[in-house]
């Protein structure tokens, strides 16, 4: 069984005085991983505005 999840993350507001790398948790992805799904593939996509990106996770159980 496969599931596909796409997460969109904004990159606006990152300055030289702020943290460049922030740790973010995605509850729906965490839920599926706890249920035994594994990540088979990730697809990174920069959105056209350059202020956000998307990560698509292909999960399999």
PDB file of N, CA and C in Angstrom:
ATOM      1  N   UNK A   1       0.844  -1.173   0.000  1.00  0.00           N
ATOM      2  CA  UNK A   1       0.000   0.000   0.000  1.00  0.00           C
ATOM      3  C   UNK A   1       0.891   1.239   0.000  1.00  0.00           C
ATOM      4  N   UNK A   2       0.557   2.204  -0.835  1.00  0.00           N
ATOM      5  CA  UNK A   2       1.326   3.446  -0.913  1.00  0.00           C
ATOM      6  C   UNK A   2       0.475   4.641  -0.523  1.00  0.00           C
ATOM      7  N   UNK A   3       1.143   5.650  -0.003  1.00  0.00           N
ATOM      8  CA  UNK A   3       0.519   6.942   0.277  1.00  0.00           C
ATOM      9  C   UNK A   3       1.469   8.013  -0.247  1.00  0.00           C
ATOM     10  N   UNK A   4       0.891   9.129  -0.678  1.00  0.00           N
ATOM     11  CA  UNK A   4       1.681  10.257  -1.156  1.00  0.00           C
ATOM     12  C   UNK A   4       1.287  11.475  -0.329  1.00  0.00           C
ATOM     13  N   UNK A   5       2.282  12.130   0.259  1.00  0.00           N
ATOM     14  CA  UNK A   5       2.048  13.333   1.054  1.00  0.00           C
ATOM     15  C   UNK A   5       2.928  14.438   0.483  1.00  0.00           C
ATOM     16  N   UNK A   6       2.355  15.615   0.269  1.00  0.00           N
ATOM     17  CA  UNK A   6       3.136  16.775  -0.151  1.00  0.00           C
ATOM     18  C   UNK A   6       3.058  17.826   0.938  1.00  0.00           C
ATOM     19  N   UNK A   7       4.221  18.299   1.353  1.00  0.00           N
ATOM     20  CA  UNK A   7       4.327  19.314   2.397  1.00  0.00           C
ATOM     21  C   UNK A   7       4.907  20.568   1.769  1.00  0.00           C
ATOM     22  N   UNK A   8       4.273  21.700   2.016  1.00  0.00           N
ATOM     23  CA  UNK A   8       4.757  22.980   1.516  1.00  0.00           C
ATOM     24  C   UNK A   8       5.292  23.786   2.690  1.00  0.00           C
ATOM     25  N   UNK A   9       6.477  24.334   2.537  1.00  0.00           N
ATOM     26  CA  UNK A   9       7.131  25.096   3.604  1.00  0.00           C
ATOM     27  C   UNK A   9       7.517  26.470   3.079  1.00  0.00           C
ATOM     28  N   UNK A  10       7.148  27.510   3.805  1.00  0.00           N
ATOM     29  CA  UNK A  10       7.533  28.869   3.438  1.00  0.00           C
ATOM     30  C   UNK A  10       8.965  29.145   3.859  1.00  0.00           C
ATOM     31  N   UNK A  11       9.667  29.963   3.076  1.00  0.00           N
ATOM     32  CA  UNK A  11      11.032  30.353   3.423  1.00  0.00           C
ATOM     33  C   UNK A  11      11.138  31.844   3.658  1.00  0.00           C
ATOM     34  N   UNK A  12      10.032  32.539   3.731  1.00  0.00           N
ATOM     35  CA  UNK A  12      10.011  33.982   3.938  1.00  0.00           C
ATOM     36  C   UNK A  12      10.414  34.290   5.376  1.00  0.00           C
ATOM     37  N   UNK A  13      11.137  35.383   5.562  1.00  0.00           N
ATOM     38  CA  UNK A  13      11.474  35.818   6.909  1.00  0.00           C
ATOM     39  C   UNK A  13      12.813  35.326   7.418  1.00  0.00           C
ATOM     40  N   UNK A  14      13.541  34.555   6.627  1.00  0.00           N
ATOM     41  CA  UNK A  14      14.866  34.098   7.047  1.00  0.00           C
ATOM     42  C   UNK A  14      15.851  35.230   6.787  1.00  0.00           C
ATOM     43  N   UNK A  15      16.491  35.688   7.830  1.00  0.00           N
ATOM     44  CA  UNK A  15      17.479  36.756   7.699  1.00  0.00           C
ATOM     45  C   UNK A  15      18.809  36.268   8.235  1.00  0.00           C
ATOM     46  N   UNK A  16      19.815  37.095   8.104  1.00  0.00           N
ATOM     47  CA  UNK A  16      21.140  36.693   8.586  1.00  0.00           C
ATOM     48  C   UNK A  16      21.180  36.614  10.105  1.00  0.00           C
ATOM     49  N   UNK A  17      20.263  37.279  10.794  1.00  0.00           N
ATOM     50  CA  UNK A  17      20.254  37.219  12.254  1.00  0.00           C
ATOM     51  C   UNK A  17      19.337  36.131  12.793  1.00  0.00           C
ATOM     52  N   UNK A  18      18.503  35.552  11.937  1.00  0.00           N
ATOM     53  CA  UNK A  18      17.619  34.477  12.399  1.00  0.00           C
ATOM     54  C   UNK A  18      18.279  33.132  12.119  1.00  0.00           C
ATOM     55  N   UNK A  19      17.698  32.105  12.690  1.00  0.00           N
ATOM     56  CA  UNK A  19      18.200  30.758  12.434  1.00  0.00           C
ATOM     57  C   UNK A  19      17.919  30.386  10.981  1.00  0.00           C
ATOM     58  N   UNK A  20      18.931  29.935  10.292  1.00  0.00           N
ATOM     59  CA  UNK A  20      18.760  29.563   8.890  1.00  0.00           C
ATOM     60  C   UNK A  20      18.068  28.200   8.790  1.00  0.00           C
ATOM     61  N   UNK A  21      18.425  27.280   9.687  1.00  0.00           N
ATOM     62  CA  UNK A  21      17.824  25.953   9.679  1.00  0.00           C
ATOM     63  C   UNK A  21      16.928  25.808  10.894  1.00  0.00           C
ATOM     64  N   UNK A  22      15.669  25.595  10.641  1.00  0.00           N
ATOM     65  CA  UNK A  22      14.708  25.399  11.715  1.00  0.00           C
ATOM     66  C   UNK A  22      14.195  23.970  11.654  1.00  0.00           C
ATOM     67  N   UNK A  23      14.011  23.379  12.804  1.00  0.00           N
ATOM     68  CA  UNK A  23      13.473  22.028  12.864  1.00  0.00           C
ATOM     69  C   UNK A  23      11.953  22.118  12.902  1.00  0.00           C
ATOM     70  N   UNK A  24      11.315  21.438  11.970  1.00  0.00           N
ATOM     71  CA  UNK A  24       9.859  21.462  11.874  1.00  0.00           C
ATOM     72  C   UNK A  24       9.354  20.029  11.850  1.00  0.00           C
ATOM     73  N   UNK A  25       8.296  19.777  12.595  1.00  0.00           N
ATOM     74  CA  UNK A  25       7.696  18.444  12.603  1.00  0.00           C
ATOM     75  C   UNK A  25       6.384  18.480  11.827  1.00  0.00           C
ATOM     76  N   UNK A  26       6.147  17.447  11.050  1.00  0.00           N
ATOM     77  CA  UNK A  26       4.932  17.346  10.245  1.00  0.00           C
ATOM     78  C   UNK A  26       4.097  16.203  10.804  1.00  0.00           C
ATOM     79  N   UNK A  27       3.051  16.530  11.560  1.00  0.00           N
ATOM     80  CA  UNK A  27       2.280  15.508  12.282  1.00  0.00           C
ATOM     81  C   UNK A  27       1.709  14.388  11.400  1.00  0.00           C
ATOM     82  N   UNK A  28       1.202  14.703  10.228  1.00  0.00           N
ATOM     83  CA  UNK A  28       0.615  13.657   9.381  1.00  0.00           C
ATOM     84  C   UNK A  28       1.684  12.681   8.905  1.00  0.00           C
ATOM     85  N   UNK A  29       2.857  13.190   8.538  1.00  0.00           N
ATOM     86  CA  UNK A  29       3.957  12.319   8.120  1.00  0.00           C
ATOM     87  C   UNK A  29       4.420  11.461   9.294  1.00  0.00           C
ATOM     88  N   UNK A  30       4.562  12.065  10.462  1.00  0.00           N
ATOM     89  CA  UNK A  30       4.975  11.332  11.660  1.00  0.00           C
ATOM     90  C   UNK A  30       3.986  10.210  11.971  1.00  0.00           C
ATOM     91  N   UNK A  31       2.704  10.486  11.826  1.00  0.00           N
ATOM     92  CA  UNK A  31       1.665   9.484  12.086  1.00  0.00           C
ATOM     93  C   UNK A  31       1.850   8.264  11.187  1.00  0.00           C
ATOM     94  N   UNK A  32       2.057   8.505   9.901  1.00  0.00           N
ATOM     95  CA  UNK A  32       2.228   7.382   8.976  1.00  0.00           C
ATOM     96  C   UNK A  32       3.516   6.598   9.266  1.00  0.00           C
ATOM     97  N   UNK A  33       4.566   7.280   9.626  1.00  0.00           N
ATOM     98  CA  UNK A  33       5.814   6.584   9.956  1.00  0.00           C
ATOM     99  C   UNK A  33       5.623   5.719  11.205  1.00  0.00           C
ATOM    100  N   UNK A  34       4.892   6.218  12.185  1.00  0.00           N
ATOM    101  CA  UNK A  34       4.607   5.436  13.394  1.00  0.00           C
ATOM    102  C   UNK A  34       3.724   4.228  13.092  1.00  0.00           C
ATOM    103  N   UNK A  35       2.906   4.324  12.036  1.00  0.00           N
ATOM    104  CA  UNK A  35       2.044   3.210  11.632  1.00  0.00           C
ATOM    105  C   UNK A  35       2.798   2.163  10.809  1.00  0.00           C
ATOM    106  N   UNK A  36       4.083   2.378  10.568  1.00  0.00           N
ATOM    107  CA  UNK A  36       4.892   1.380   9.873  1.00  0.00           C
ATOM    108  C   UNK A  36       5.209   1.687   8.425  1.00  0.00           C
ATOM    109  N   UNK A  37       4.757   2.829   7.921  1.00  0.00           N
ATOM    110  CA  UNK A  37       5.116   3.216   6.557  1.00  0.00           C
ATOM    111  C   UNK A  37       6.584   3.615   6.520  1.00  0.00           C
ATOM    112  N   UNK A  38       7.232   3.403   5.391  1.00  0.00           N
ATOM    113  CA  UNK A  38       8.604   3.855   5.194  1.00  0.00           C
ATOM    114  C   UNK A  38       8.636   4.803   3.995  1.00  0.00           C
ATOM    115  N   UNK A  39       9.608   5.688   3.991  1.00  0.00           N
ATOM    116  CA  UNK A  39       9.752   6.641   2.891  1.00  0.00           C
ATOM    117  C   UNK A  39      10.521   5.956   1.771  1.00  0.00           C
ATOM    118  N   UNK A  40       9.881   5.799   0.622  1.00  0.00           N
ATOM    119  CA  UNK A  40      10.514   5.188  -0.547  1.00  0.00           C
ATOM    120  C   UNK A  40      11.198   6.215  -1.428  1.00  0.00           C
ATOM    121  N   UNK A  41      10.649   7.415  -1.471  1.00  0.00           N
ATOM    122  CA  UNK A  41      11.210   8.448  -2.351  1.00  0.00           C
ATOM    123  C   UNK A  41      10.776   9.818  -1.851  1.00  0.00           C
ATOM    124  N   UNK A  42      11.626  10.813  -2.039  1.00  0.00           N
ATOM    125  CA  UNK A  42      11.262  12.200  -1.782  1.00  0.00           C
ATOM    126  C   UNK A  42      11.517  13.001  -3.053  1.00  0.00           C
ATOM    127  N   UNK A  43      10.631  13.945  -3.316  1.00  0.00           N
ATOM    128  CA  UNK A  43      10.767  14.811  -4.484  1.00  0.00           C
ATOM    129  C   UNK A  43      10.718  16.247  -3.987  1.00  0.00           C
ATOM    130  N   UNK A  44      11.790  16.984  -4.201  1.00  0.00           N
ATOM    131  CA  UNK A  44      11.890  18.374  -3.758  1.00  0.00           C
ATOM    132  C   UNK A  44      11.553  19.280  -4.933  1.00  0.00           C
ATOM    133  N   UNK A  45      10.686  20.258  -4.684  1.00  0.00           N
ATOM    134  CA  UNK A  45      10.257  21.175  -5.736  1.00  0.00           C
ATOM    135  C   UNK A  45      10.301  22.595  -5.207  1.00  0.00           C
ATOM    136  N   UNK A  46      11.056  23.464  -5.874  1.00  0.00           N
ATOM    137  CA  UNK A  46      11.030  24.882  -5.524  1.00  0.00           C
ATOM    138  C   UNK A  46       9.853  25.510  -6.250  1.00  0.00           C
ATOM    139  N   UNK A  47       9.018  26.195  -5.494  1.00  0.00           N
ATOM    140  CA  UNK A  47       7.861  26.827  -6.107  1.00  0.00           C
ATOM    141  C   UNK A  47       8.299  28.086  -6.849  1.00  0.00           C
ATOM    142  N   UNK A  48       7.498  28.537  -7.776  1.00  0.00           N
ATOM    143  CA  UNK A  48       7.891  29.622  -8.679  1.00  0.00           C
ATOM    144  C   UNK A  48       8.175  30.936  -7.975  1.00  0.00           C
ATOM    145  N   UNK A  49       7.637  31.127  -6.799  1.00  0.00           N
ATOM    146  CA  UNK A  49       7.849  32.392  -6.092  1.00  0.00           C
ATOM    147  C   UNK A  49       9.194  32.445  -5.386  1.00  0.00           C
ATOM    148  N   UNK A  50       9.874  31.344  -5.234  1.00  0.00           N
ATOM    149  CA  UNK A  50      11.153  31.223  -4.516  1.00  0.00           C
ATOM    150  C   UNK A  50      11.021  31.548  -3.030  1.00  0.00           C
ATOM    151  N   UNK A  51       9.813  31.672  -2.534  1.00  0.00           N
ATOM    152  CA  UNK A  51       9.612  31.905  -1.105  1.00  0.00           C
ATOM    153  C   UNK A  51       9.050  30.670  -0.422  1.00  0.00           C
ATOM    154  N   UNK A  52       8.922  29.595  -1.167  1.00  0.00           N
ATOM    155  CA  UNK A  52       8.399  28.360  -0.612  1.00  0.00           C
ATOM    156  C   UNK A  52       8.929  27.178  -1.426  1.00  0.00           C
ATOM    157  N   UNK A  53       8.887  26.032  -0.803  1.00  0.00           N
ATOM    158  CA  UNK A  53       9.240  24.816  -1.521  1.00  0.00           C
ATOM    159  C   UNK A  53       8.293  23.706  -1.077  1.00  0.00           C
ATOM    160  N   UNK A  54       8.231  22.683  -1.867  1.00  0.00           N
ATOM    161  CA  UNK A  54       7.381  21.530  -1.546  1.00  0.00           C
ATOM    162  C   UNK A  54       8.239  20.281  -1.537  1.00  0.00           C
ATOM    163  N   UNK A  55       7.925  19.394  -0.621  1.00  0.00           N
ATOM    164  CA  UNK A  55       8.553  18.085  -0.569  1.00  0.00           C
ATOM    165  C   UNK A  55       7.439  17.054  -0.656  1.00  0.00           C
ATOM    166  N   UNK A  56       7.544  16.181  -1.641  1.00  0.00           N
ATOM    167  CA  UNK A  56       6.579  15.110  -1.785  1.00  0.00           C
ATOM    168  C   UNK A  56       7.227  13.817  -1.271  1.00  0.00           C
ATOM    169  N   UNK A  57       6.534  13.155  -0.372  1.00  0.00           N
ATOM    170  CA  UNK A  57       7.008  11.894   0.200  1.00  0.00           C
ATOM    171  C   UNK A  57       6.174  10.756  -0.373  1.00  0.00           C
ATOM    172  N   UNK A  58       6.838   9.770  -0.956  1.00  0.00           N
ATOM    173  CA  UNK A  58       6.185   8.554  -1.410  1.00  0.00           C
ATOM    174  C   UNK A  58       6.410   7.535  -0.298  1.00  0.00           C
ATOM    175  N   UNK A  59       5.326   7.113   0.345  1.00  0.00           N
ATOM    176  CA  UNK A  59       5.408   6.183   1.464  1.00  0.00           C
ATOM    177  C   UNK A  59       4.908   4.815   1.033  1.00  0.00           C
ATOM    178  N   UNK A  60       5.452   3.781   1.667  1.00  0.00           N
ATOM    179  CA  UNK A  60       5.022   2.422   1.347  1.00  0.00           C
ATOM    180  C   UNK A  60       4.979   1.607   2.614  1.00  0.00           C
ATOM    181  N   UNK A  61       4.004   0.710   2.671  1.00  0.00           N
ATOM    182  CA  UNK A  61       3.878  -0.175   3.823  1.00  0.00           C
ATOM    183  C   UNK A  61       3.972  -1.606   3.367  1.00  0.00           C
TER     184      UNK A  61
END
